[in-house]
Protein backbone atom coordinates (compact mmCIF):
# COMPACT_ATOMS: atom_id res chain seq x y z
CA PHE A 1 0.00 0.00 0.00
CA PHE A 2 2.68 2.48 0.98
CA SER A 3 4.85 2.13 -2.17
CA GLY A 4 1.80 2.30 -4.43
CA GLN A 5 0.63 5.45 -2.70
CA MET A 6 4.05 7.13 -3.23
CA ALA A 7 4.05 6.15 -6.89
CA ALA A 8 0.57 7.56 -7.33
CA SER A 9 1.52 10.86 -5.68
CA ALA A 10 4.82 11.13 -7.61
CA ALA A 11 3.13 10.75 -11.00
CA PRO A 12 1.28 14.10 -10.90
CA ALA A 13 4.46 15.88 -9.74
CA GLU A 14 6.50 14.35 -12.59
CA ALA A 15 3.79 15.22 -15.08
CA GLU A 16 3.75 18.81 -13.81
CA GLU A 17 7.55 18.98 -14.11
CA ARG A 18 7.38 17.71 -17.71
CA ARG A 19 4.71 20.31 -18.54
CA SER A 20 6.85 23.02 -16.95
CA ARG A 21 9.94 22.02 -18.98
CA ALA A 22 7.86 21.84 -22.16
CA GLY A 23 6.48 25.31 -21.44
CA LYS A 24 9.98 26.71 -20.93
CA ARG A 25 11.13 25.16 -24.21
CA ARG A 26 8.13 26.73 -26.01
CA GLU A 27 8.95 30.12 -24.46
CA ALA A 28 12.59 29.83 -25.54
CA ARG A 29 11.58 28.90 -29.11
CA LEU A 30 9.10 31.78 -29.20
CA ALA A 31 11.77 34.24 -28.00
CA GLN A 32 14.19 32.93 -30.62
CA ALA A 33 11.57 33.19 -33.37
CA THR A 34 10.67 36.72 -32.27
CA ALA A 35 14.33 37.78 -32.38
CA HIS A 36 14.72 36.18 -35.80
CA MET A 37 11.63 38.00 -37.11
CA ALA A 38 12.95 41.32 -35.79
CA HIS A 39 16.26 40.69 -37.58
CA LEU A 40 14.47 39.81 -40.83
CA GLN A 41 12.33 42.95 -40.58
CA LYS A 42 15.46 45.05 -40.11
CA LEU A 43 17.08 43.45 -43.17
CA GLN A 44 13.88 44.06 -45.14
CA ARG A 45 13.93 47.76 -44.16
CA VAL A 46 17.57 48.04 -45.28
CA ALA A 47 16.74 46.31 -48.58
CA GLN A 48 13.74 48.59 -49.18
CA ARG A 49 15.84 51.64 -48.38
CA SER A 50 18.53 50.44 -50.79
CA ALA A 51 15.97 49.79 -53.51
CA THR A 52 14.57 53.32 -53.28
CA HIS A 53 17.92 55.12 -53.42
CA ASP A 54 20.41 55.46 -56.19
CA ARG A 55 23.96 54.30 -55.76
CA ARG A 56 26.37 57.18 -55.97
CA VAL A 57 30.10 56.74 -56.49
CA MET A 58 32.07 59.80 -55.45
CA CYS A 59 35.46 60.55 -57.02
CA CYS A 60 36.83 63.39 -54.95
CA ASP A 61 38.79 64.06 -51.79
CA ALA A 62 36.56 62.42 -49.20
CA VAL A 63 37.74 64.52 -46.27
CA GLU A 64 37.02 67.75 -48.15
CA TYR A 65 33.62 66.38 -49.16
CA LEU A 66 32.77 65.42 -45.57
CA HIS A 67 33.69 68.90 -44.37
CA SER A 68 31.47 70.45 -47.07
CA ILE A 69 28.22 68.66 -46.11
CA ASP A 70 25.96 68.66 -43.08
CA GLN A 71 25.00 65.00 -43.30
CA LEU A 72 25.72 62.01 -45.52
CA PRO A 73 22.76 61.07 -47.73
CA GLY A 74 23.03 57.32 -47.11
CA ASP A 75 25.13 54.36 -46.10
CA VAL A 76 28.87 54.35 -46.79
CA VAL A 77 31.16 51.58 -48.01
CA THR A 78 34.75 52.76 -48.32
CA SER A 79 38.32 52.31 -47.23
CA LEU A 80 40.91 54.75 -46.03
CA PRO A 81 44.50 54.84 -47.27
CA ASP A 82 46.90 52.85 -45.16
CA THR A 83 50.21 54.21 -44.02
CA SER A 84 52.05 52.84 -47.08
CA GLU A 85 49.84 55.00 -49.32
CA MET A 86 50.74 58.14 -47.37
CA PRO A 87 54.55 57.99 -47.14
CA GLU A 88 54.82 61.69 -46.34
CA MET A 89 53.24 61.02 -42.91
CA SER A 90 54.92 59.42 -39.96
CA LEU A 91 53.15 56.44 -38.43
CA ALA A 92 51.99 58.58 -35.48
CA ALA A 93 50.69 61.31 -37.82
CA TRP A 94 48.89 58.73 -39.97
CA ARG A 95 47.21 57.21 -36.89
CA ASP A 96 46.01 60.67 -35.82
CA TRP A 97 44.74 61.42 -39.35
CA PHE A 98 43.01 58.02 -39.60
CA THR A 99 41.25 58.45 -36.23
CA ALA A 100 40.16 62.02 -37.02
CA THR A 101 38.84 60.99 -40.45
CA VAL A 102 36.81 58.08 -39.07
CA GLU A 103 35.39 60.36 -36.36
CA LEU A 104 34.42 62.92 -39.04
CA LEU A 105 32.74 60.23 -41.13
CA LEU A 106 30.75 58.94 -38.16
CA ARG A 107 29.67 62.47 -37.15
CA LYS A 108 28.26 63.02 -40.66
CA LEU A 109 26.43 59.67 -40.70
CA ARG A 110 22.79 59.55 -39.61
CA ARG A 111 22.05 57.24 -36.67
CA ASP A 112 19.94 54.92 -38.83
CA ARG A 113 22.67 54.48 -41.46
CA TYR A 114 25.69 52.22 -41.72
CA ALA A 115 29.36 52.76 -42.52
CA ILE A 116 31.52 49.86 -43.62
CA LEU A 117 35.25 50.52 -43.69
CA LEU A 118 37.37 47.93 -45.47
CA GLN A 119 40.92 48.00 -44.18
CA SER A 120 43.81 45.61 -44.70
CA ASP A 121 46.35 44.57 -42.12
CA ILE A 122 49.42 46.77 -42.09
CA LYS A 123 52.84 45.39 -41.42
CA VAL A 124 54.93 48.20 -39.95
CA THR A 125 58.21 46.40 -39.28
CA ARG A 126 59.94 43.23 -40.32
CA ARG A 127 63.35 42.48 -38.96
CA ARG A 128 65.62 39.52 -38.89
CA CYS A 129 67.87 38.60 -36.07
CA GLY A 130 70.28 35.72 -35.74
CA ALA A 131 69.41 32.90 -33.39
CA ALA A 132 72.53 33.49 -31.31
CA SER A 133 71.62 37.11 -30.58
CA SER A 134 68.11 36.13 -29.52
CA GLY A 135 69.23 33.48 -27.06
CA VAL A 136 67.43 30.73 -28.98
CA GLN A 137 69.29 27.51 -29.73
CA ALA A 138 68.73 27.29 -33.47
CA THR A 139 70.69 27.50 -36.67
CA SER A 140 68.28 29.68 -38.63
CA GLU A 141 67.39 33.34 -38.37
CA ILE A 142 64.28 34.55 -36.58
CA VAL A 143 61.88 36.88 -38.38
CA VAL A 144 59.95 39.31 -36.19
CA GLU A 145 56.93 41.07 -37.68
CA GLU A 146 54.90 43.82 -36.05
CA TRP A 147 51.38 44.58 -37.28
CA LEU A 148 49.49 47.80 -36.80
CA ASP A 149 46.20 47.26 -34.97
């Protein structure tokens, strides 16, 4: 009698636990689906906006152009010259110029627009040193490369 009574009382509790877990899984799936729908709606808005605007390719000094306007008319896809394309500037001067130019671009961009900057890695130094001078037991030279972040 006693063991049968415990089994009978445990069954409703287990069933309730299963229903609770199933409900939590449904809530998680609903939250995921809602987030996915919001993302799709955002992509749809971007696509509609792109479809209603003309693409404009500008061939001019971008910094001068940015200074001459109050606000950019749309999204921006561009790149900025790396330090090798501006040999007249020191690395420190180029970093300052790069930072100031990106800040200017972002100030001219509306909050609901996007800017995509395509930049390549920049190797600023490459030096070789013999294994003996580096304290490494090896017969070959060691190449040290520094990259600009």
